Amino acid sequence: DDIKAEWNTKGSRYVSDINKMVEFGETNGWENWKGKEPEDKRDHLA
């Protein structure tokens, strides 16, 4: 249950952040993206 909760919480947050970054890059040009690239922090659960 703990693994499932962490997998889903971190996974959906990571994907949401990536999708926002892609939307920004495609709308405004990648050269204007100044943020950090999101990281998927679930390696320890694999």
All heavy atoms as atom14 arrays in JSON, in Angstrom:
{
  "sequence": "DDIKAEWNTKGSRYVSDINKMVEFGETNGWENWKGKEPEDKRDHLA",
  "atom14_mask": [
    [1, 1, 1, 1, 1, 1, 1, 1, 0, 0, 0, 0, 0, 0],
    [1, 1, 1, 1, 1, 1, 1, 1, 0, 0, 0, 0, 0, 0],
    [1, 1, 1, 1, 1, 1, 1, 1, 0, 0, 0, 0, 0, 0],
    [1, 1, 1, 1, 1, 1, 1, 1, 1, 0, 0, 0, 0, 0],
    [1, 1, 1, 1, 1, 0, 0, 0, 0, 0, 0, 0, 0, 0],
    [1, 1, 1, 1, 1, 1, 1, 1, 1, 0, 0, 0, 0, 0],
    [1, 1, 1, 1, 1, 1, 1, 1, 1, 1, 1, 1, 1, 1],
    [1, 1, 1, 1, 1, 1, 1, 1, 0, 0, 0, 0, 0, 0],
    [1, 1, 1, 1, 1, 1, 1, 0, 0, 0, 0, 0, 0, 0],
    [1, 1, 1, 1, 1, 1, 1, 1, 1, 0, 0, 0, 0, 0],
    [1, 1, 1, 1, 0, 0, 0, 0, 0, 0, 0, 0, 0, 0],
    [1, 1, 1, 1, 1, 1, 0, 0, 0, 0, 0, 0, 0, 0],
    [1, 1, 1, 1, 1, 1, 1, 1, 1, 1, 1, 0, 0, 0],
    [1, 1, 1, 1, 1, 1, 1, 1, 1, 1, 1, 1, 0, 0],
    [1, 1, 1, 1, 1, 1, 1, 0, 0, 0, 0, 0, 0, 0],
    [1, 1, 1, 1, 1, 1, 0, 0, 0, 0, 0, 0, 0, 0],
    [1, 1, 1, 1, 1, 1, 1, 1, 0, 0, 0, 0, 0, 0],
    [1, 1, 1, 1, 1, 1, 1, 1, 0, 0, 0, 0, 0, 0],
    [1, 1, 1, 1, 1, 1, 1, 1, 0, 0, 0, 0, 0, 0],
    [1, 1, 1, 1, 1, 1, 1, 1, 1, 0, 0, 0, 0, 0],
    [1, 1, 1, 1, 1, 1, 1, 1, 0, 0, 0, 0, 0, 0],
    [1, 1, 1, 1, 1, 1, 1, 0, 0, 0, 0, 0, 0, 0],
    [1, 1, 1, 1, 1, 1, 1, 1, 1, 0, 0, 0, 0, 0],
    [1, 1, 1, 1, 1, 1, 1, 1, 1, 1, 1, 0, 0, 0],
    [1, 1, 1, 1, 0, 0, 0, 0, 0, 0, 0, 0, 0, 0],
    [1, 1, 1, 1, 1, 1, 1, 1, 1, 0, 0, 0, 0, 0],
    [1, 1, 1, 1, 1, 1, 1, 0, 0, 0, 0, 0, 0, 0],
    [1, 1, 1, 1, 1, 1, 1, 1, 0, 0, 0, 0, 0, 0],
    [1, 1, 1, 1, 0, 0, 0, 0, 0, 0, 0, 0, 0, 0],
    [1, 1, 1, 1, 1, 1, 1, 1, 1, 1, 1, 1, 1, 1],
    [1, 1, 1, 1, 1, 1, 1, 1, 1, 0, 0, 0, 0, 0],
    [1, 1, 1, 1, 1, 1, 1, 1, 0, 0, 0, 0, 0, 0],
    [1, 1, 1, 1, 1, 1, 1, 1, 1, 1, 1, 1, 1, 1],
    [1, 1, 1, 1, 1, 1, 1, 1, 1, 0, 0, 0, 0, 0],
    [1, 1, 1, 1, 0, 0, 0, 0, 0, 0, 0, 0, 0, 0],
    [1, 1, 1, 1, 1, 1, 1, 1, 1, 0, 0, 0, 0, 0],
    [1, 1, 1, 1, 1, 1, 1, 1, 1, 0, 0, 0, 0, 0],
    [1, 1, 1, 1, 1, 1, 1, 0, 0, 0, 0, 0, 0, 0],
    [1, 1, 1, 1, 1, 1, 1, 1, 1, 0, 0, 0, 0, 0],
    [1, 1, 1, 1, 1, 1, 1, 1, 0, 0, 0, 0, 0, 0],
    [1, 1, 1, 1, 1, 1, 1, 1, 1, 0, 0, 0, 0, 0],
    [1, 1, 1, 1, 1, 1, 1, 1, 1, 1, 1, 0, 0, 0],
    [1, 1, 1, 1, 1, 1, 1, 1, 0, 0, 0, 0, 0, 0],
    [1, 1, 1, 1, 1, 1, 1, 1, 1, 1, 0, 0, 0, 0],
    [1, 1, 1, 1, 1, 1, 1, 1, 0, 0, 0, 0, 0, 0],
    [1, 1, 1, 1, 1, 0, 0, 0, 0, 0, 0, 0, 0, 0]
  ],
  "atom14_positions": [
    [[0.84, -1.21, 0.0], [0.0, 0.0, 0.0], [0.87, 1.26, 0.0], [0.56, 2.23, -0.69], [-0.93, 0.0, 1.22], [-2.1, -0.96, 1.03], [-2.33, -1.38, -0.12], [-2.75, -1.3, 2.04], [0.0, 0.0, 0.0], [0.0, 0.0, 0.0], [0.0, 0.0, 0.0], [0.0, 0.0, 0.0], [0.0, 0.0, 0.0], [0.0, 0.0, 0.0]],
    [[1.96, 1.23, 0.78], [2.86, 2.39, 0.84], [3.55, 2.61, -0.51], [3.66, 3.74, -0.99], [3.94, 2.19, 1.92], [3.34, 2.26, 3.33], [2.18, 2.71, 3.45], [4.03, 1.85, 4.29], [0.0, 0.0, 0.0], [0.0, 0.0, 0.0], [0.0, 0.0, 0.0], [0.0, 0.0, 0.0], [0.0, 0.0, 0.0], [0.0, 0.0, 0.0]],
    [[4.0, 1.51, -1.12], [4.68, 1.6, -2.43], [3.71, 2.14, -3.48], [4.05, 3.01, -4.28], [5.24, 0.21, -2.85], [6.38, -0.2, -1.92], [5.72, 0.22, -4.3], [6.74, -1.68, -1.99], [0.0, 0.0, 0.0], [0.0, 0.0, 0.0], [0.0, 0.0, 0.0], [0.0, 0.0, 0.0], [0.0, 0.0, 0.0], [0.0, 0.0, 0.0]],
    [[2.49, 1.6, -3.45], [1.47, 2.03, -4.41], [1.18, 3.53, -4.26], [1.12, 4.28, -5.25], [0.19, 1.22, -4.18], [-0.99, 1.61, -5.05], [-2.14, 0.65, -4.77], [-3.47, 1.34, -4.86], [-4.58, 0.49, -4.45], [0.0, 0.0, 0.0], [0.0, 0.0, 0.0], [0.0, 0.0, 0.0], [0.0, 0.0, 0.0], [0.0, 0.0, 0.0]],
    [[1.03, 3.99, -3.02], [0.73, 5.41, -2.79], [1.88, 6.29, -3.3], [1.65, 7.3, -3.98], [0.49, 5.65, -1.3], [0.0, 0.0, 0.0], [0.0, 0.0, 0.0], [0.0, 0.0, 0.0], [0.0, 0.0, 0.0], [0.0, 0.0, 0.0], [0.0, 0.0, 0.0], [0.0, 0.0, 0.0], [0.0, 0.0, 0.0], [0.0, 0.0, 0.0]],
    [[3.12, 5.89, -2.99], [4.27, 6.69, -3.41], [4.43, 6.65, -4.94], [4.7, 7.68, -5.57], [5.55, 6.16, -2.73], [6.73, 7.09, -2.94], [8.0, 6.63, -2.21], [7.95, 5.66, -1.42], [9.04, 7.26, -2.46], [0.0, 0.0, 0.0], [0.0, 0.0, 0.0], [0.0, 0.0, 0.0], [0.0, 0.0, 0.0], [0.0, 0.0, 0.0]],
    [[4.25, 5.47, -5.53], [4.36, 5.32, -6.99], [3.37, 6.24, -7.71], [3.72, 6.94, -8.67], [4.08, 3.86, -7.37], [4.19, 3.53, -8.83], [3.18, 3.52, -9.75], [5.38, 3.16, -9.54], [3.66, 3.17, -10.99], [5.01, 2.94, -10.9], [6.72, 3.0, -9.19], [5.92, 2.56, -11.88], [7.63, 2.61, -10.16], [7.24, 2.4, -11.49]],
    [[2.15, 6.27, -7.22], [1.11, 7.06, -7.88], [1.25, 8.55, -7.62], [1.09, 9.36, -8.54], [-0.28, 6.56, -7.44], [-0.67, 5.29, -8.19], [-1.15, 5.35, -9.31], [-0.43, 4.13, -7.58], [0.0, 0.0, 0.0], [0.0, 0.0, 0.0], [0.0, 0.0, 0.0], [0.0, 0.0, 0.0], [0.0, 0.0, 0.0], [0.0, 0.0, 0.0]],
    [[1.56, 8.92, -6.38], [1.68, 10.35, -6.06], [2.85, 10.97, -6.82], [2.7, 11.99, -7.5], [1.91, 10.54, -4.54], [0.85, 9.89, -3.84], [1.9, 12.01, -4.17], [0.0, 0.0, 0.0], [0.0, 0.0, 0.0], [0.0, 0.0, 0.0], [0.0, 0.0, 0.0], [0.0, 0.0, 0.0], [0.0, 0.0, 0.0], [0.0, 0.0, 0.0]],
    [[4.02, 10.32, -6.72], [5.2, 10.88, -7.39], [5.08, 10.78, -8.9], [5.53, 11.66, -9.64], [6.47, 10.16, -6.91], [6.86, 10.54, -5.5], [8.17, 9.89, -5.07], [8.61, 10.46, -3.71], [9.78, 9.74, -3.17], [0.0, 0.0, 0.0], [0.0, 0.0, 0.0], [0.0, 0.0, 0.0], [0.0, 0.0, 0.0], [0.0, 0.0, 0.0]],
    [[4.47, 9.7, -9.38], [4.33, 9.5, -10.82], [3.44, 10.53, -11.47], [3.79, 11.13, -12.49], [0.0, 0.0, 0.0], [0.0, 0.0, 0.0], [0.0, 0.0, 0.0], [0.0, 0.0, 0.0], [0.0, 0.0, 0.0], [0.0, 0.0, 0.0], [0.0, 0.0, 0.0], [0.0, 0.0, 0.0], [0.0, 0.0, 0.0], [0.0, 0.0, 0.0]],
    [[2.27, 10.77, -10.86], [1.35, 11.73, -11.49], [1.9, 13.15, -11.4], [1.73, 13.95, -12.32], [-0.05, 11.63, -10.89], [-0.01, 11.83, -9.51], [0.0, 0.0, 0.0], [0.0, 0.0, 0.0], [0.0, 0.0, 0.0], [0.0, 0.0, 0.0], [0.0, 0.0, 0.0], [0.0, 0.0, 0.0], [0.0, 0.0, 0.0], [0.0, 0.0, 0.0]],
    [[2.63, 13.46, -10.31], [3.22, 14.8, -10.19], [4.3, 14.99, -11.27], [4.36, 16.02, -11.93], [3.83, 14.99, -8.8], [4.33, 16.43, -8.56], [5.06, 16.56, -7.23], [4.26, 16.03, -6.13], [4.77, 15.31, -5.12], [6.06, 15.02, -5.07], [3.98, 14.85, -4.17], [0.0, 0.0, 0.0], [0.0, 0.0, 0.0], [0.0, 0.0, 0.0]],
    [[5.16, 13.98, -11.43], [6.23, 14.05, -12.43], [5.66, 14.23, -13.84], [6.09, 15.1, -14.6], [7.08, 12.78, -12.35], [7.97, 12.55, -13.54], [9.08, 13.37, -13.77], [7.72, 11.53, -14.45], [9.9, 13.18, -14.87], [8.53, 11.32, -15.56], [9.62, 12.15, -15.76], [10.42, 11.95, -16.85], [0.0, 0.0, 0.0], [0.0, 0.0, 0.0]],
    [[4.65, 13.43, -14.16], [4.06, 13.49, -15.51], [3.39, 14.84, -15.74], [3.51, 15.44, -16.81], [3.07, 12.32, -15.7], [2.2, 12.54, -16.94], [3.84, 11.0, -15.82], [0.0, 0.0, 0.0], [0.0, 0.0, 0.0], [0.0, 0.0, 0.0], [0.0, 0.0, 0.0], [0.0, 0.0, 0.0], [0.0, 0.0, 0.0], [0.0, 0.0, 0.0]],
    [[2.69, 15.34, -14.73], [2.04, 16.64, -14.85], [3.08, 17.73, -15.12], [2.9, 18.59, -16.0], [1.27, 16.95, -13.56], [0.82, 18.27, -13.57], [0.0, 0.0, 0.0], [0.0, 0.0, 0.0], [0.0, 0.0, 0.0], [0.0, 0.0, 0.0], [0.0, 0.0, 0.0], [0.0, 0.0, 0.0], [0.0, 0.0, 0.0], [0.0, 0.0, 0.0]],
    [[4.22, 17.67, -14.39], [5.28, 18.68, -14.58], [5.9, 18.58, -15.97], [6.17, 19.6, -16.61], [6.36, 18.51, -13.5], [5.87, 18.91, -12.11], [4.79, 19.53, -12.02], [6.54, 18.57, -11.12], [0.0, 0.0, 0.0], [0.0, 0.0, 0.0], [0.0, 0.0, 0.0], [0.0, 0.0, 0.0], [0.0, 0.0, 0.0], [0.0, 0.0, 0.0]],
    [[6.13, 17.35, -16.44], [6.7, 17.15, -17.79], [5.74, 17.67, -18.85], [6.14, 18.37, -19.78], [7.0, 15.65, -18.04], [8.27, 15.24, -17.31], [7.15, 15.36, -19.53], [9.56, 15.45, -18.05], [0.0, 0.0, 0.0], [0.0, 0.0, 0.0], [0.0, 0.0, 0.0], [0.0, 0.0, 0.0], [0.0, 0.0, 0.0], [0.0, 0.0, 0.0]],
    [[4.46, 17.32, -18.71], [3.48, 17.77, -19.71], [3.38, 19.3, -19.75], [3.24, 19.88, -20.83], [2.11, 17.15, -19.42], [2.02, 15.7, -19.9], [2.67, 15.32, -20.87], [1.22, 14.89, -19.23], [0.0, 0.0, 0.0], [0.0, 0.0, 0.0], [0.0, 0.0, 0.0], [0.0, 0.0, 0.0], [0.0, 0.0, 0.0], [0.0, 0.0, 0.0]],
    [[3.49, 19.94, -18.58], [3.47, 21.41, -18.55], [4.7, 21.97, -19.26], [4.62, 22.97, -19.98], [3.42, 21.91, -17.09], [2.03, 21.82, -16.48], [2.06, 22.22, -15.02], [0.74, 21.91, -14.35], [0.87, 21.8, -12.88], [0.0, 0.0, 0.0], [0.0, 0.0, 0.0], [0.0, 0.0, 0.0], [0.0, 0.0, 0.0], [0.0, 0.0, 0.0]],
    [[5.86, 21.34, -19.03], [7.09, 21.8, -19.67], [7.0, 21.66, -21.19], [7.37, 22.57, -21.93], [8.29, 20.99, -19.15], [9.62, 21.41, -19.74], [11.01, 20.37, -19.17], [10.75, 18.9, -20.18], [0.0, 0.0, 0.0], [0.0, 0.0, 0.0], [0.0, 0.0, 0.0], [0.0, 0.0, 0.0], [0.0, 0.0, 0.0], [0.0, 0.0, 0.0]],
    [[6.47, 20.51, -21.65], [6.34, 20.28, -23.1], [5.38, 21.3, -23.7], [5.65, 21.87, -24.77], [5.85, 18.83, -23.37], [5.44, 18.67, -24.83], [6.95, 17.83, -23.03], [0.0, 0.0, 0.0], [0.0, 0.0, 0.0], [0.0, 0.0, 0.0], [0.0, 0.0, 0.0], [0.0, 0.0, 0.0], [0.0, 0.0, 0.0], [0.0, 0.0, 0.0]],
    [[4.27, 21.55, -23.0], [3.3, 22.52, -23.51], [3.94, 23.91, -23.63], [3.77, 24.61, -24.62], [2.08, 22.59, -22.57], [0.97, 23.47, -23.13], [-0.23, 23.56, -22.19], [-0.17, 23.03, -21.07], [-1.21, 24.18, -22.6], [0.0, 0.0, 0.0], [0.0, 0.0, 0.0], [0.0, 0.0, 0.0], [0.0, 0.0, 0.0], [0.0, 0.0, 0.0]],
    [[4.73, 24.27, -22.6], [5.42, 25.57, -22.64], [6.4, 25.62, -23.82], [6.42, 26.58, -24.59], [6.17, 25.82, -21.33], [6.91, 27.14, -21.32], [6.3, 28.27, -20.8], [8.21, 27.25, -21.85], [6.97, 29.5, -20.81], [8.87, 28.47, -21.88], [8.26, 29.59, -21.35], [0.0, 0.0, 0.0], [0.0, 0.0, 0.0], [0.0, 0.0, 0.0]],
    [[7.22, 24.56, -23.96], [8.22, 24.52, -25.01], [7.6, 24.61, -26.4], [8.12, 25.31, -27.28], [0.0, 0.0, 0.0], [0.0, 0.0, 0.0], [0.0, 0.0, 0.0], [0.0, 0.0, 0.0], [0.0, 0.0, 0.0], [0.0, 0.0, 0.0], [0.0, 0.0, 0.0], [0.0, 0.0, 0.0], [0.0, 0.0, 0.0], [0.0, 0.0, 0.0]],
    [[6.5, 23.9, -26.58], [5.87, 23.88, -27.91], [5.13, 25.2, -28.19], [5.02, 25.61, -29.34], [4.9, 22.7, -28.02], [5.64, 21.37, -28.06], [4.78, 20.21, -28.54], [3.55, 20.3, -28.43], [5.36, 19.22, -29.02], [0.0, 0.0, 0.0], [0.0, 0.0, 0.0], [0.0, 0.0, 0.0], [0.0, 0.0, 0.0], [0.0, 0.0, 0.0]],
    [[4.65, 25.85, -27.14], [3.91, 27.11, -27.33], [4.85, 28.31, -27.45], [4.68, 29.17, -28.31], [2.94, 27.35, -26.13], [2.14, 26.19, -25.96], [2.04, 28.55, -26.37], [0.0, 0.0, 0.0], [0.0, 0.0, 0.0], [0.0, 0.0, 0.0], [0.0, 0.0, 0.0], [0.0, 0.0, 0.0], [0.0, 0.0, 0.0], [0.0, 0.0, 0.0]],
    [[5.87, 28.34, -26.6], [6.71, 29.54, -26.5], [8.12, 29.36, -27.06], [8.9, 30.32, -27.06], [6.84, 29.96, -25.02], [5.49, 30.18, -24.38], [4.72, 31.02, -24.82], [5.17, 29.39, -23.36], [0.0, 0.0, 0.0], [0.0, 0.0, 0.0], [0.0, 0.0, 0.0], [0.0, 0.0, 0.0], [0.0, 0.0, 0.0], [0.0, 0.0, 0.0]],
    [[8.45, 28.15, -27.5], [9.81, 27.89, -27.99], [10.68, 27.36, -26.86], [10.68, 27.92, -25.75], [0.0, 0.0, 0.0], [0.0, 0.0, 0.0], [0.0, 0.0, 0.0], [0.0, 0.0, 0.0], [0.0, 0.0, 0.0], [0.0, 0.0, 0.0], [0.0, 0.0, 0.0], [0.0, 0.0, 0.0], [0.0, 0.0, 0.0], [0.0, 0.0, 0.0]],
    [[11.41, 26.28, -27.15], [12.21, 25.63, -26.1], [13.32, 26.54, -25.58], [13.75, 26.43, -24.44], [12.81, 24.32, -26.63], [11.77, 23.25, -26.74], [11.14, 22.84, -27.87], [11.2, 22.5, -25.67], [10.2, 21.87, -27.57], [10.22, 21.63, -26.22], [11.41, 22.48, -24.29], [9.47, 20.75, -25.45], [10.66, 21.59, -23.52], [9.71, 20.75, -24.1]],
    [[13.77, 27.47, -26.43], [14.86, 28.35, -25.98], [14.4, 29.28, -24.84], [15.23, 29.82, -24.1], [15.39, 29.18, -27.17], [14.43, 30.21, -27.75], [13.39, 29.63, -28.72], [13.33, 28.38, -28.9], [12.61, 30.42, -29.28], [0.0, 0.0, 0.0], [0.0, 0.0, 0.0], [0.0, 0.0, 0.0], [0.0, 0.0, 0.0], [0.0, 0.0, 0.0]],
    [[13.08, 29.41, -24.68], [12.56, 30.29, -23.61], [12.28, 29.54, -22.31], [11.9, 30.16, -21.32], [11.28, 30.99, -24.1], [11.59, 31.92, -25.26], [12.51, 32.73, -25.19], [10.83, 31.8, -26.35], [0.0, 0.0, 0.0], [0.0, 0.0, 0.0], [0.0, 0.0, 0.0], [0.0, 0.0, 0.0], [0.0, 0.0, 0.0], [0.0, 0.0, 0.0]],
    [[12.44, 28.22, -22.32], [12.22, 27.45, -21.09], [13.42, 27.64, -20.17], [14.54, 27.31, -20.51], [12.04, 25.97, -21.42], [12.02, 25.09, -20.19], [13.02, 24.3, -19.72], [10.94, 24.91, -19.28], [12.65, 23.65, -18.58], [11.37, 24.01, -18.27], [9.65, 25.44, -19.2], [10.55, 23.62, -17.22], [8.83, 25.04, -18.14], [9.28, 24.14, -17.17]],
    [[13.18, 28.21, -18.99], [14.28, 28.47, -18.05], [14.21, 27.57, -16.82], [15.07, 27.63, -15.97], [14.25, 29.94, -17.61], [14.39, 30.95, -18.76], [15.78, 30.88, -19.41], [15.93, 31.96, -20.46], [15.74, 31.46, -21.83], [0.0, 0.0, 0.0], [0.0, 0.0, 0.0], [0.0, 0.0, 0.0], [0.0, 0.0, 0.0], [0.0, 0.0, 0.0]],
    [[13.17, 26.77, -16.74], [13.01, 25.93, -15.55], [13.91, 24.7, -15.6], [14.56, 24.41, -16.58], [0.0, 0.0, 0.0], [0.0, 0.0, 0.0], [0.0, 0.0, 0.0], [0.0, 0.0, 0.0], [0.0, 0.0, 0.0], [0.0, 0.0, 0.0], [0.0, 0.0, 0.0], [0.0, 0.0, 0.0], [0.0, 0.0, 0.0], [0.0, 0.0, 0.0]],
    [[13.94, 23.97, -14.48], [14.69, 22.7, -14.44], [13.81, 21.61, -15.05], [12.58, 21.66, -14.96], [15.0, 22.34, -12.99], [16.26, 23.02, -12.47], [16.45, 22.78, -10.98], [16.62, 21.3, -10.66], [16.83, 21.08, -9.2], [0.0, 0.0, 0.0], [0.0, 0.0, 0.0], [0.0, 0.0, 0.0], [0.0, 0.0, 0.0], [0.0, 0.0, 0.0]],
    [[14.46, 20.6, -15.65], [13.68, 19.48, -16.16], [13.2, 18.62, -14.99], [14.0, 18.26, -14.11], [14.54, 18.63, -17.12], [13.72, 17.51, -17.72], [14.27, 17.02, -19.05], [14.97, 17.76, -19.75], [13.99, 15.86, -19.36], [0.0, 0.0, 0.0], [0.0, 0.0, 0.0], [0.0, 0.0, 0.0], [0.0, 0.0, 0.0], [0.0, 0.0, 0.0]],
    [[11.91, 18.29, -14.92], [11.41, 17.46, -13.82], [12.11, 16.1, -13.77], [12.53, 15.58, -14.8], [9.92, 17.29, -14.15], [9.6, 18.4, -15.09], [10.85, 18.68, -15.87], [0.0, 0.0, 0.0], [0.0, 0.0, 0.0], [0.0, 0.0, 0.0], [0.0, 0.0, 0.0], [0.0, 0.0, 0.0], [0.0, 0.0, 0.0], [0.0, 0.0, 0.0]],
    [[12.22, 15.56, -12.57], [12.86, 14.24, -12.4], [11.83, 13.25, -11.86], [11.03, 13.58, -10.99], [14.0, 14.34, -11.39], [15.28, 14.93, -11.94], [16.35, 14.97, -10.84], [16.81, 13.88, -10.43], [16.67, 16.08, -10.38], [0.0, 0.0, 0.0], [0.0, 0.0, 0.0], [0.0, 0.0, 0.0], [0.0, 0.0, 0.0], [0.0, 0.0, 0.0]],
    [[11.91, 12.01, -12.38], [11.08, 10.93, -11.87], [11.85, 10.29, -10.71], [12.88, 9.66, -10.9], [10.83, 9.89, -12.98], [9.74, 8.9, -12.59], [9.59, 8.63, -11.39], [9.06, 8.38, -13.49], [0.0, 0.0, 0.0], [0.0, 0.0, 0.0], [0.0, 0.0, 0.0], [0.0, 0.0, 0.0], [0.0, 0.0, 0.0], [0.0, 0.0, 0.0]],
    [[11.35, 10.48, -9.5], [12.1, 10.06, -8.3], [11.55, 8.75, -7.73], [11.29, 8.64, -6.54], [12.07, 11.16, -7.26], [12.77, 12.43, -7.77], [12.8, 13.52, -6.74], [13.64, 14.7, -7.25], [13.55, 15.87, -6.41], [0.0, 0.0, 0.0], [0.0, 0.0, 0.0], [0.0, 0.0, 0.0], [0.0, 0.0, 0.0], [0.0, 0.0, 0.0]],
    [[11.41, 7.75, -8.61], [10.83, 6.47, -8.15], [11.77, 5.29, -8.36], [11.35, 4.14, -8.26], [9.51, 6.22, -8.87], [8.4, 7.19, -8.49], [7.14, 6.93, -9.25], [7.26, 7.27, -10.66], [6.37, 6.97, -11.59], [5.27, 6.29, -11.26], [6.55, 7.32, -12.86], [0.0, 0.0, 0.0], [0.0, 0.0, 0.0], [0.0, 0.0, 0.0]],
    [[13.04, 5.56, -8.64], [13.98, 4.46, -8.9], [14.01, 3.44, -7.76], [14.11, 2.23, -8.0], [15.4, 5.0, -9.11], [15.55, 5.68, -10.47], [14.52, 5.87, -11.15], [16.68, 6.02, -10.85], [0.0, 0.0, 0.0], [0.0, 0.0, 0.0], [0.0, 0.0, 0.0], [0.0, 0.0, 0.0], [0.0, 0.0, 0.0], [0.0, 0.0, 0.0]],
    [[13.94, 3.92, -6.53], [14.05, 3.03, -5.36], [12.84, 2.09, -5.23], [12.9, 1.11, -4.49], [14.21, 3.85, -4.08], [13.04, 4.74, -3.8], [12.76, 5.87, -4.56], [12.06, 4.69, -2.86], [11.66, 6.45, -4.11], [11.21, 5.77, -3.06], [0.0, 0.0, 0.0], [0.0, 0.0, 0.0], [0.0, 0.0, 0.0], [0.0, 0.0, 0.0]],
    [[11.77, 2.39, -5.96], [10.57, 1.52, -5.9], [10.58, 0.44, -6.97], [9.76, -0.49, -6.93], [9.31, 2.38, -6.07], [9.1, 3.54, -5.1], [7.87, 4.35, -5.51], [8.93, 3.01, -3.67], [0.0, 0.0, 0.0], [0.0, 0.0, 0.0], [0.0, 0.0, 0.0], [0.0, 0.0, 0.0], [0.0, 0.0, 0.0], [0.0, 0.0, 0.0]],
    [[11.48, 0.58, -7.95], [11.38, -0.24, -9.17], [11.5, -1.74, -8.89], [10.77, -2.54, -9.47], [12.45, 0.19, -10.17], [0.0, 0.0, 0.0], [0.0, 0.0, 0.0], [0.0, 0.0, 0.0], [0.0, 0.0, 0.0], [0.0, 0.0, 0.0], [0.0, 0.0, 0.0], [0.0, 0.0, 0.0], [0.0, 0.0, 0.0], [0.0, 0.0, 0.0]]
  ]
}
